[in-house]
Amino acid sequence: MSSDTTDTEPCALRAWAEARMVFVELTDGRVVGFPADRFRRLSAASDEALKGVEIALNGYALRWDSLDEDLTVPGIVAGRFQLSLPAAAA
């Protein structure tokens, strides 16, 4: 029996941004969200630019063309962020 990433890693079905949060609906039924401020380019982006998120690479990445930013869905699900939470929020 073989296993590949399509059997174990969920993909994005839908992505959206609201109130500086980015949300991803996954193929396994979960919805995960993260603060845009956890990534350098997203933290500097306007609310309108954040809303430009698109699903790429057959659901394995999120893409913001206007920001030239790509994030992997497996990385988001695993909590691999560029920036840590501010001390007050931790």
PDB file of N, CA and C in Angstrom:
ATOM      1  N   MET A   1       0.845  -1.179   0.000  1.00  0.00           N
ATOM      2  CA  MET A   1       0.000   0.000   0.000  1.00  0.00           C
ATOM      3  C   MET A   1       0.887   1.238   0.000  1.00  0.00           C
ATOM      4  N   SER A   2       0.613   2.156  -0.885  1.00  0.00           N
ATOM      5  CA  SER A   2       1.406   3.377  -0.941  1.00  0.00           C
ATOM      6  C   SER A   2       0.575   4.553  -0.447  1.00  0.00           C
ATOM      7  N   SER A   3       1.287   5.534   0.012  1.00  0.00           N
ATOM      8  CA  SER A   3       0.626   6.741   0.512  1.00  0.00           C
ATOM      9  C   SER A   3       1.312   7.938  -0.127  1.00  0.00           C
ATOM     10  N   ASP A   4       0.525   8.900  -0.516  1.00  0.00           N
ATOM     11  CA  ASP A   4       1.116  10.134  -1.020  1.00  0.00           C
ATOM     12  C   ASP A   4       0.425  11.306  -0.354  1.00  0.00           C
ATOM     13  N   THR A   5       0.872  12.513  -0.670  1.00  0.00           N
ATOM     14  CA  THR A   5       0.346  13.691   0.018  1.00  0.00           C
ATOM     15  C   THR A   5      -1.136  13.907  -0.226  1.00  0.00           C
ATOM     16  N   THR A   6      -1.663  13.444  -1.351  1.00  0.00           N
ATOM     17  CA  THR A   6      -3.086  13.652  -1.599  1.00  0.00           C
ATOM     18  C   THR A   6      -3.939  12.834  -0.637  1.00  0.00           C
ATOM     19  N   ASP A   7      -3.368  11.759  -0.053  1.00  0.00           N
ATOM     20  CA  ASP A   7      -4.096  10.955   0.919  1.00  0.00           C
ATOM     21  C   ASP A   7      -4.024  11.545   2.319  1.00  0.00           C
ATOM     22  N   THR A   8      -3.006  12.331   2.609  1.00  0.00           N
ATOM     23  CA  THR A   8      -2.777  12.763   3.980  1.00  0.00           C
ATOM     24  C   THR A   8      -2.902  14.258   4.211  1.00  0.00           C
ATOM     25  N   GLU A   9      -2.697  15.065   3.214  1.00  0.00           N
ATOM     26  CA  GLU A   9      -2.730  16.507   3.410  1.00  0.00           C
ATOM     27  C   GLU A   9      -4.000  17.103   2.800  1.00  0.00           C
ATOM     28  N   PRO A  10      -4.737  17.848   3.600  1.00  0.00           N
ATOM     29  CA  PRO A  10      -5.930  18.489   3.054  1.00  0.00           C
ATOM     30  C   PRO A  10      -5.562  19.625   2.103  1.00  0.00           C
ATOM     31  N   CYS A  11      -6.444  19.870   1.175  1.00  0.00           N
ATOM     32  CA  CYS A  11      -6.284  20.962   0.213  1.00  0.00           C
ATOM     33  C   CYS A  11      -7.348  22.020   0.492  1.00  0.00           C
ATOM     34  N   ALA A  12      -7.117  23.204  -0.038  1.00  0.00           N
ATOM     35  CA  ALA A  12      -8.076  24.294   0.105  1.00  0.00           C
ATOM     36  C   ALA A  12      -9.184  24.165  -0.927  1.00  0.00           C
ATOM     37  N   LEU A  13     -10.406  24.330  -0.456  1.00  0.00           N
ATOM     38  CA  LEU A  13     -11.563  24.404  -1.348  1.00  0.00           C
ATOM     39  C   LEU A  13     -11.952  25.861  -1.597  1.00  0.00           C
ATOM     40  N   ARG A  14     -11.746  26.671  -0.556  1.00  0.00           N
ATOM     41  CA  ARG A  14     -12.184  28.067  -0.601  1.00  0.00           C
ATOM     42  C   ARG A  14     -11.295  28.858   0.337  1.00  0.00           C
ATOM     43  N   ALA A  15     -11.025  30.106   0.010  1.00  0.00           N
ATOM     44  CA  ALA A  15     -10.237  30.992   0.866  1.00  0.00           C
ATOM     45  C   ALA A  15     -10.825  32.390   0.807  1.00  0.00           C
ATOM     46  N   TRP A  16     -10.776  33.074   1.939  1.00  0.00           N
ATOM     47  CA  TRP A  16     -11.285  34.438   2.003  1.00  0.00           C
ATOM     48  C   TRP A  16     -10.627  35.169   3.158  1.00  0.00           C
ATOM     49  N   ALA A  17     -10.733  36.478   3.137  1.00  0.00           N
ATOM     50  CA  ALA A  17     -10.167  37.313   4.200  1.00  0.00           C
ATOM     51  C   ALA A  17     -11.224  38.272   4.692  1.00  0.00           C
ATOM     52  N   GLU A  18     -11.247  38.432   6.007  1.00  0.00           N
ATOM     53  CA  GLU A  18     -12.120  39.445   6.621  1.00  0.00           C
ATOM     54  C   GLU A  18     -11.540  39.846   7.960  1.00  0.00           C
ATOM     55  N   ALA A  19     -11.625  41.125   8.247  1.00  0.00           N
ATOM     56  CA  ALA A  19     -11.143  41.687   9.513  1.00  0.00           C
ATOM     57  C   ALA A  19      -9.707  41.262   9.814  1.00  0.00           C
ATOM     58  N   ARG A  20      -8.823  41.333   8.791  1.00  0.00           N
ATOM     59  CA  ARG A  20      -7.388  41.017   8.911  1.00  0.00           C
ATOM     60  C   ARG A  20      -7.108  39.566   9.262  1.00  0.00           C
ATOM     61  N   MET A  21      -8.101  38.708   9.076  1.00  0.00           N
ATOM     62  CA  MET A  21      -7.942  37.257   9.243  1.00  0.00           C
ATOM     63  C   MET A  21      -8.104  36.610   7.878  1.00  0.00           C
ATOM     64  N   VAL A  22      -7.322  35.572   7.629  1.00  0.00           N
ATOM     65  CA  VAL A  22      -7.432  34.788   6.398  1.00  0.00           C
ATOM     66  C   VAL A  22      -7.989  33.423   6.791  1.00  0.00           C
ATOM     67  N   PHE A  23      -9.017  32.990   6.098  1.00  0.00           N
ATOM     68  CA  PHE A  23      -9.678  31.716   6.385  1.00  0.00           C
ATOM     69  C   PHE A  23      -9.551  30.789   5.184  1.00  0.00           C
ATOM     70  N   VAL A  24      -9.427  29.490   5.476  1.00  0.00           N
ATOM     71  CA  VAL A  24      -9.314  28.481   4.433  1.00  0.00           C
ATOM     72  C   VAL A  24     -10.240  27.323   4.783  1.00  0.00           C
ATOM     73  N   GLU A  25     -11.140  26.987   3.870  1.00  0.00           N
ATOM     74  CA  GLU A  25     -11.976  25.802   4.021  1.00  0.00           C
ATOM     75  C   GLU A  25     -11.234  24.651   3.352  1.00  0.00           C
ATOM     76  N   LEU A  26     -11.031  23.557   4.096  1.00  0.00           N
ATOM     77  CA  LEU A  26     -10.231  22.429   3.635  1.00  0.00           C
ATOM     78  C   LEU A  26     -11.097  21.276   3.148  1.00  0.00           C
ATOM     79  N   THR A  27     -10.483  20.410   2.362  1.00  0.00           N
ATOM     80  CA  THR A  27     -11.197  19.255   1.819  1.00  0.00           C
ATOM     81  C   THR A  27     -11.649  18.281   2.901  1.00  0.00           C
ATOM     82  N   ASP A  28     -11.035  18.314   4.077  1.00  0.00           N
ATOM     83  CA  ASP A  28     -11.438  17.410   5.157  1.00  0.00           C
ATOM     84  C   ASP A  28     -12.552  17.994   6.029  1.00  0.00           C
ATOM     85  N   GLY A  29     -13.093  19.145   5.632  1.00  0.00           N
ATOM     86  CA  GLY A  29     -14.217  19.747   6.334  1.00  0.00           C
ATOM     87  C   GLY A  29     -13.840  20.820   7.335  1.00  0.00           C
ATOM     88  N   ARG A  30     -12.565  20.954   7.672  1.00  0.00           N
ATOM     89  CA  ARG A  30     -12.151  21.991   8.618  1.00  0.00           C
ATOM     90  C   ARG A  30     -12.103  23.358   7.947  1.00  0.00           C
ATOM     91  N   VAL A  31     -12.270  24.372   8.781  1.00  0.00           N
ATOM     92  CA  VAL A  31     -12.004  25.744   8.374  1.00  0.00           C
ATOM     93  C   VAL A  31     -10.935  26.251   9.333  1.00  0.00           C
ATOM     94  N   VAL A  32      -9.807  26.674   8.787  1.00  0.00           N
ATOM     95  CA  VAL A  32      -8.733  27.217   9.616  1.00  0.00           C
ATOM     96  C   VAL A  32      -8.569  28.689   9.278  1.00  0.00           C
ATOM     97  N   GLY A  33      -8.155  29.441  10.274  1.00  0.00           N
ATOM     98  CA  GLY A  33      -7.927  30.856  10.072  1.00  0.00           C
ATOM     99  C   GLY A  33      -6.658  31.291  10.763  1.00  0.00           C
ATOM    100  N   PHE A  34      -6.065  32.334  10.246  1.00  0.00           N
ATOM    101  CA  PHE A  34      -4.858  32.882  10.863  1.00  0.00           C
ATOM    102  C   PHE A  34      -4.827  34.388  10.654  1.00  0.00           C
ATOM    103  N   PRO A  35      -4.201  35.105  11.588  1.00  0.00           N
ATOM    104  CA  PRO A  35      -4.080  36.553  11.430  1.00  0.00           C
ATOM    105  C   PRO A  35      -3.111  36.888  10.302  1.00  0.00           C
ATOM    106  N   ALA A  36      -3.480  37.800   9.453  1.00  0.00           N
ATOM    107  CA  ALA A  36      -2.606  38.230   8.362  1.00  0.00           C
ATOM    108  C   ALA A  36      -1.274  38.740   8.899  1.00  0.00           C
ATOM    109  N   ASP A  37      -1.270  39.253  10.095  1.00  0.00           N
ATOM    110  CA  ASP A  37      -0.049  39.819  10.676  1.00  0.00           C
ATOM    111  C   ASP A  37       1.007  38.780  11.023  1.00  0.00           C
ATOM    112  N   ARG A  38       0.744  37.509  10.787  1.00  0.00           N
ATOM    113  CA  ARG A  38       1.734  36.464  11.029  1.00  0.00           C
ATOM    114  C   ARG A  38       2.691  36.283   9.854  1.00  0.00           C
ATOM    115  N   PHE A  39       2.441  37.029   8.741  1.00  0.00           N
ATOM    116  CA  PHE A  39       3.308  36.970   7.566  1.00  0.00           C
ATOM    117  C   PHE A  39       3.699  38.385   7.165  1.00  0.00           C
ATOM    118  N   ARG A  40       4.969  38.589   6.826  1.00  0.00           N
ATOM    119  CA  ARG A  40       5.508  39.929   6.535  1.00  0.00           C
ATOM    120  C   ARG A  40       4.693  40.684   5.478  1.00  0.00           C
ATOM    121  N   ARG A  41       4.535  40.101   4.319  1.00  0.00           N
ATOM    122  CA  ARG A  41       3.846  40.824   3.240  1.00  0.00           C
ATOM    123  C   ARG A  41       2.369  41.022   3.541  1.00  0.00           C
ATOM    124  N   LEU A  42       1.759  40.052   4.168  1.00  0.00           N
ATOM    125  CA  LEU A  42       0.336  40.196   4.494  1.00  0.00           C
ATOM    126  C   LEU A  42       0.134  41.243   5.583  1.00  0.00           C
ATOM    127  N   SER A  43       1.060  41.340   6.515  1.00  0.00           N
ATOM    128  CA  SER A  43       0.914  42.307   7.604  1.00  0.00           C
ATOM    129  C   SER A  43       0.949  43.741   7.093  1.00  0.00           C
ATOM    130  N   ALA A  44       1.661  43.965   5.985  1.00  0.00           N
ATOM    131  CA  ALA A  44       1.753  45.311   5.405  1.00  0.00           C
ATOM    132  C   ALA A  44       0.650  45.586   4.389  1.00  0.00           C
ATOM    133  N   ALA A  45      -0.159  44.589   4.085  1.00  0.00           N
ATOM    134  CA  ALA A  45      -1.183  44.721   3.041  1.00  0.00           C
ATOM    135  C   ALA A  45      -2.439  45.426   3.555  1.00  0.00           C
ATOM    136  N   SER A  46      -3.120  46.076   2.645  1.00  0.00           N
ATOM    137  CA  SER A  46      -4.408  46.687   2.984  1.00  0.00           C
ATOM    138  C   SER A  46      -5.465  45.596   3.106  1.00  0.00           C
ATOM    139  N   ASP A  47      -6.572  45.923   3.733  1.00  0.00           N
ATOM    140  CA  ASP A  47      -7.676  44.970   3.845  1.00  0.00           C
ATOM    141  C   ASP A  47      -8.169  44.555   2.461  1.00  0.00           C
ATOM    142  N   GLU A  48      -8.214  45.490   1.528  1.00  0.00           N
ATOM    143  CA  GLU A  48      -8.655  45.172   0.166  1.00  0.00           C
ATOM    144  C   GLU A  48      -7.689  44.213  -0.515  1.00  0.00           C
ATOM    145  N   ALA A  49      -6.393  44.428  -0.339  1.00  0.00           N
ATOM    146  CA  ALA A  49      -5.410  43.532  -0.947  1.00  0.00           C
ATOM    147  C   ALA A  49      -5.521  42.120  -0.367  1.00  0.00           C
ATOM    148  N   LEU A  50      -5.788  42.009   0.930  1.00  0.00           N
ATOM    149  CA  LEU A  50      -5.952  40.688   1.548  1.00  0.00           C
ATOM    150  C   LEU A  50      -7.123  39.929   0.938  1.00  0.00           C
ATOM    151  N   LYS A  51      -8.155  40.647   0.569  1.00  0.00           N
ATOM    152  CA  LYS A  51      -9.335  40.004  -0.021  1.00  0.00           C
ATOM    153  C   LYS A  51      -9.055  39.428  -1.399  1.00  0.00           C
ATOM    154  N   GLY A  52      -7.896  39.727  -1.970  1.00  0.00           N
ATOM    155  CA  GLY A  52      -7.527  39.209  -3.280  1.00  0.00           C
ATOM    156  C   GLY A  52      -6.957  37.795  -3.250  1.00  0.00           C
ATOM    157  N   VAL A  53      -7.087  37.105  -2.142  1.00  0.00           N
ATOM    158  CA  VAL A  53      -6.534  35.746  -2.022  1.00  0.00           C
ATOM    159  C   VAL A  53      -7.206  34.800  -3.009  1.00  0.00           C
ATOM    160  N   GLU A  54      -6.388  33.947  -3.621  1.00  0.00           N
ATOM    161  CA  GLU A  54      -6.873  32.932  -4.557  1.00  0.00           C
ATOM    162  C   GLU A  54      -6.245  31.593  -4.217  1.00  0.00           C
ATOM    163  N   ILE A  55      -6.919  30.532  -4.587  1.00  0.00           N
ATOM    164  CA  ILE A  55      -6.386  29.194  -4.397  1.00  0.00           C
ATOM    165  C   ILE A  55      -5.530  28.843  -5.611  1.00  0.00           C
ATOM    166  N   ALA A  56      -4.352  28.276  -5.365  1.00  0.00           N
ATOM    167  CA  ALA A  56      -3.422  27.915  -6.434  1.00  0.00           C
ATOM    168  C   ALA A  56      -2.917  26.484  -6.235  1.00  0.00           C
ATOM    169  N   LEU A  57      -2.242  25.981  -7.239  1.00  0.00           N
ATOM    170  CA  LEU A  57      -1.612  24.647  -7.192  1.00  0.00           C
ATOM    171  C   LEU A  57      -2.576  23.553  -6.738  1.00  0.00           C
ATOM    172  N   ASN A  58      -3.736  23.534  -7.355  1.00  0.00           N
ATOM    173  CA  ASN A  58      -4.751  22.507  -7.056  1.00  0.00           C
ATOM    174  C   ASN A  58      -5.135  22.449  -5.584  1.00  0.00           C
ATOM    175  N   GLY A  59      -5.140  23.604  -4.937  1.00  0.00           N
ATOM    176  CA  GLY A  59      -5.562  23.668  -3.540  1.00  0.00           C
ATOM    177  C   GLY A  59      -4.447  23.564  -2.534  1.00  0.00           C
ATOM    178  N   TYR A  60      -3.203  23.440  -2.975  1.00  0.00           N
ATOM    179  CA  TYR A  60      -2.080  23.309  -2.053  1.00  0.00           C
ATOM    180  C   TYR A  60      -1.400  24.628  -1.718  1.00  0.00           C
ATOM    181  N   ALA A  61      -1.900  25.738  -2.260  1.00  0.00           N
ATOM    182  CA  ALA A  61      -1.297  27.033  -1.969  1.00  0.00           C
ATOM    183  C   ALA A  61      -2.353  28.130  -2.034  1.00  0.00           C
ATOM    184  N   LEU A  62      -2.061  29.222  -1.338  1.00  0.00           N
ATOM    185  CA  LEU A  62      -2.836  30.452  -1.437  1.00  0.00           C
ATOM    186  C   LEU A  62      -1.957  31.465  -2.149  1.00  0.00           C
ATOM    187  N   ARG A  63      -2.570  32.283  -2.994  1.00  0.00           N
ATOM    188  CA  ARG A  63      -1.822  33.246  -3.810  1.00  0.00           C
ATOM    189  C   ARG A  63      -2.482  34.611  -3.748  1.00  0.00           C
ATOM    190  N   TRP A  64      -1.649  35.637  -3.558  1.00  0.00           N
ATOM    191  CA  TRP A  64      -2.063  37.031  -3.666  1.00  0.00           C
ATOM    192  C   TRP A  64      -1.225  37.637  -4.787  1.00  0.00           C
ATOM    193  N   ASP A  65      -1.790  37.776  -5.977  1.00  0.00           N
ATOM    194  CA  ASP A  65      -1.048  38.342  -7.107  1.00  0.00           C
ATOM    195  C   ASP A  65      -0.576  39.759  -6.826  1.00  0.00           C
ATOM    196  N   SER A  66      -1.441  40.590  -6.286  1.00  0.00           N
ATOM    197  CA  SER A  66      -1.088  41.995  -6.075  1.00  0.00           C
ATOM    198  C   SER A  66       0.021  42.172  -5.043  1.00  0.00           C
ATOM    199  N   LEU A  67       0.209  41.173  -4.176  1.00  0.00           N
ATOM    200  CA  LEU A  67       1.249  41.242  -3.143  1.00  0.00           C
ATOM    201  C   LEU A  67       2.465  40.383  -3.482  1.00  0.00           C
ATOM    202  N   ASP A  68       2.375  39.617  -4.572  1.00  0.00           N
ATOM    203  CA  ASP A  68       3.413  38.653  -4.950  1.00  0.00           C
ATOM    204  C   ASP A  68       3.741  37.734  -3.772  1.00  0.00           C
ATOM    205  N   GLU A  69       2.686  37.169  -3.180  1.00  0.00           N
ATOM    206  CA  GLU A  69       2.828  36.305  -2.001  1.00  0.00           C
ATOM    207  C   GLU A  69       2.148  34.970  -2.239  1.00  0.00           C
ATOM    208  N   ASP A  70       2.833  33.908  -1.846  1.00  0.00           N
ATOM    209  CA  ASP A  70       2.302  32.548  -1.915  1.00  0.00           C
ATOM    210  C   ASP A  70       2.532  31.882  -0.563  1.00  0.00           C
ATOM    211  N   LEU A  71       1.536  31.173  -0.072  1.00  0.00           N
ATOM    212  CA  LEU A  71       1.653  30.398   1.168  1.00  0.00           C
ATOM    213  C   LEU A  71       1.171  28.989   0.895  1.00  0.00           C
ATOM    214  N   THR A  72       1.828  28.003   1.465  1.00  0.00           N
ATOM    215  CA  THR A  72       1.371  26.631   1.274  1.00  0.00           C
ATOM    216  C   THR A  72       0.276  26.299   2.279  1.00  0.00           C
ATOM    217  N   VAL A  73      -0.711  25.566   1.831  1.00  0.00           N
ATOM    218  CA  VAL A  73      -1.792  25.148   2.719  1.00  0.00           C
ATOM    219  C   VAL A  73      -1.263  24.204   3.802  1.00  0.00           C
ATOM    220  N   PRO A  74      -0.424  23.202   3.478  1.00  0.00           N
ATOM    221  CA  PRO A  74       0.118  22.362   4.552  1.00  0.00           C
ATOM    222  C   PRO A  74       0.892  23.168   5.601  1.00  0.00           C
ATOM    223  N   GLY A  75       1.607  24.200   5.181  1.00  0.00           N
ATOM    224  CA  GLY A  75       2.330  25.046   6.126  1.00  0.00           C
ATOM    225  C   GLY A  75       1.397  25.816   7.040  1.00  0.00           C
ATOM    226  N   ILE A  76       0.317  26.323   6.490  1.00  0.00           N
ATOM    227  CA  ILE A  76      -0.675  27.042   7.293  1.00  0.00           C
ATOM    228  C   ILE A  76      -1.308  26.101   8.313  1.00  0.00           C
ATOM    229  N   VAL A  77      -1.713  24.915   7.853  1.00  0.00           N
ATOM    230  CA  VAL A  77      -2.351  23.947   8.743  1.00  0.00           C
ATOM    231  C   VAL A  77      -1.399  23.539   9.868  1.00  0.00           C
ATOM    232  N   ALA A  78      -0.108  23.434   9.560  1.00  0.00           N
ATOM    233  CA  ALA A  78       0.890  23.051  10.559  1.00  0.00           C
ATOM    234  C   ALA A  78       1.291  24.215  11.458  1.00  0.00           C
ATOM    235  N   GLY A  79       0.819  25.419  11.149  1.00  0.00           N
ATOM    236  CA  GLY A  79       1.139  26.579  11.982  1.00  0.00           C
ATOM    237  C   GLY A  79       2.526  27.145  11.750  1.00  0.00           C
ATOM    238  N   ARG A  80       3.057  26.978  10.548  1.00  0.00           N
ATOM    239  CA  ARG A  80       4.381  27.525  10.228  1.00  0.00           C
ATOM    240  C   ARG A  80       4.217  28.963   9.725  1.00  0.00           C
ATOM    241  N   PHE A  81       4.358  29.904  10.659  1.00  0.00           N
ATOM    242  CA  PHE A  81       4.193  31.319  10.357  1.00  0.00           C
ATOM    243  C   PHE A  81       5.555  32.003  10.374  1.00  0.00           C
ATOM    244  N   GLN A  82       5.688  33.126   9.663  1.00  0.00           N
ATOM    245  CA  GLN A  82       6.942  33.864   9.625  1.00  0.00           C
ATOM    246  C   GLN A  82       7.157  34.680  10.885  1.00  0.00           C
ATOM    247  N   LEU A  83       6.098  35.248  11.405  1.00  0.00           N
ATOM    248  CA  LEU A  83       6.205  36.171  12.532  1.00  0.00           C
ATOM    249  C   LEU A  83       5.480  35.603  13.750  1.00  0.00           C
ATOM    250  N   SER A  84       6.018  35.882  14.932  1.00  0.00           N
ATOM    251  CA  SER A  84       5.346  35.407  16.143  1.00  0.00           C
ATOM    252  C   SER A  84       4.266  36.387  16.566  1.00  0.00           C
ATOM    253  N   LEU A  85       3.425  35.912  17.457  1.00  0.00           N
ATOM    254  CA  LEU A  85       2.361  36.767  17.990  1.00  0.00           C
ATOM    255  C   LEU A  85       2.963  37.862  18.848  1.00  0.00           C
ATOM    256  N   PRO A  86       2.353  39.042  18.866  1.00  0.00           N
ATOM    257  CA  PRO A  86       2.809  40.077  19.791  1.00  0.00           C
ATOM    258  C   PRO A  86       2.681  39.568  21.227  1.00  0.00           C
ATOM    259  N   ALA A  87       3.526  40.057  22.112  1.00  0.00           N
ATOM    260  CA  ALA A  87       3.563  39.581  23.508  1.00  0.00           C
ATOM    261  C   ALA A  87       2.206  39.693  24.187  1.00  0.00           C
ATOM    262  N   ALA A  88       1.447  40.730  23.913  1.00  0.00           N
ATOM    263  CA  ALA A  88       0.142  40.918  24.564  1.00  0.00           C
ATOM    264  C   ALA A  88      -0.859  39.849  24.131  1.00  0.00           C
ATOM    265  N   ALA A  89      -0.705  39.312  22.903  1.00  0.00           N
ATOM    266  CA  ALA A  89      -1.648  38.334  22.387  1.00  0.00           C
ATOM    267  C   ALA A  89      -1.252  36.900  22.728  1.00  0.00           C
ATOM    268  N   ALA A  90      -0.023  36.701  23.148  1.00  0.00           N
ATOM    269  CA  ALA A  90       0.465  35.342  23.428  1.00  0.00           C
ATOM    270  C   ALA A  90      -0.072  34.782  24.732  1.00  0.00           C
TER     271      ALA A  90
END
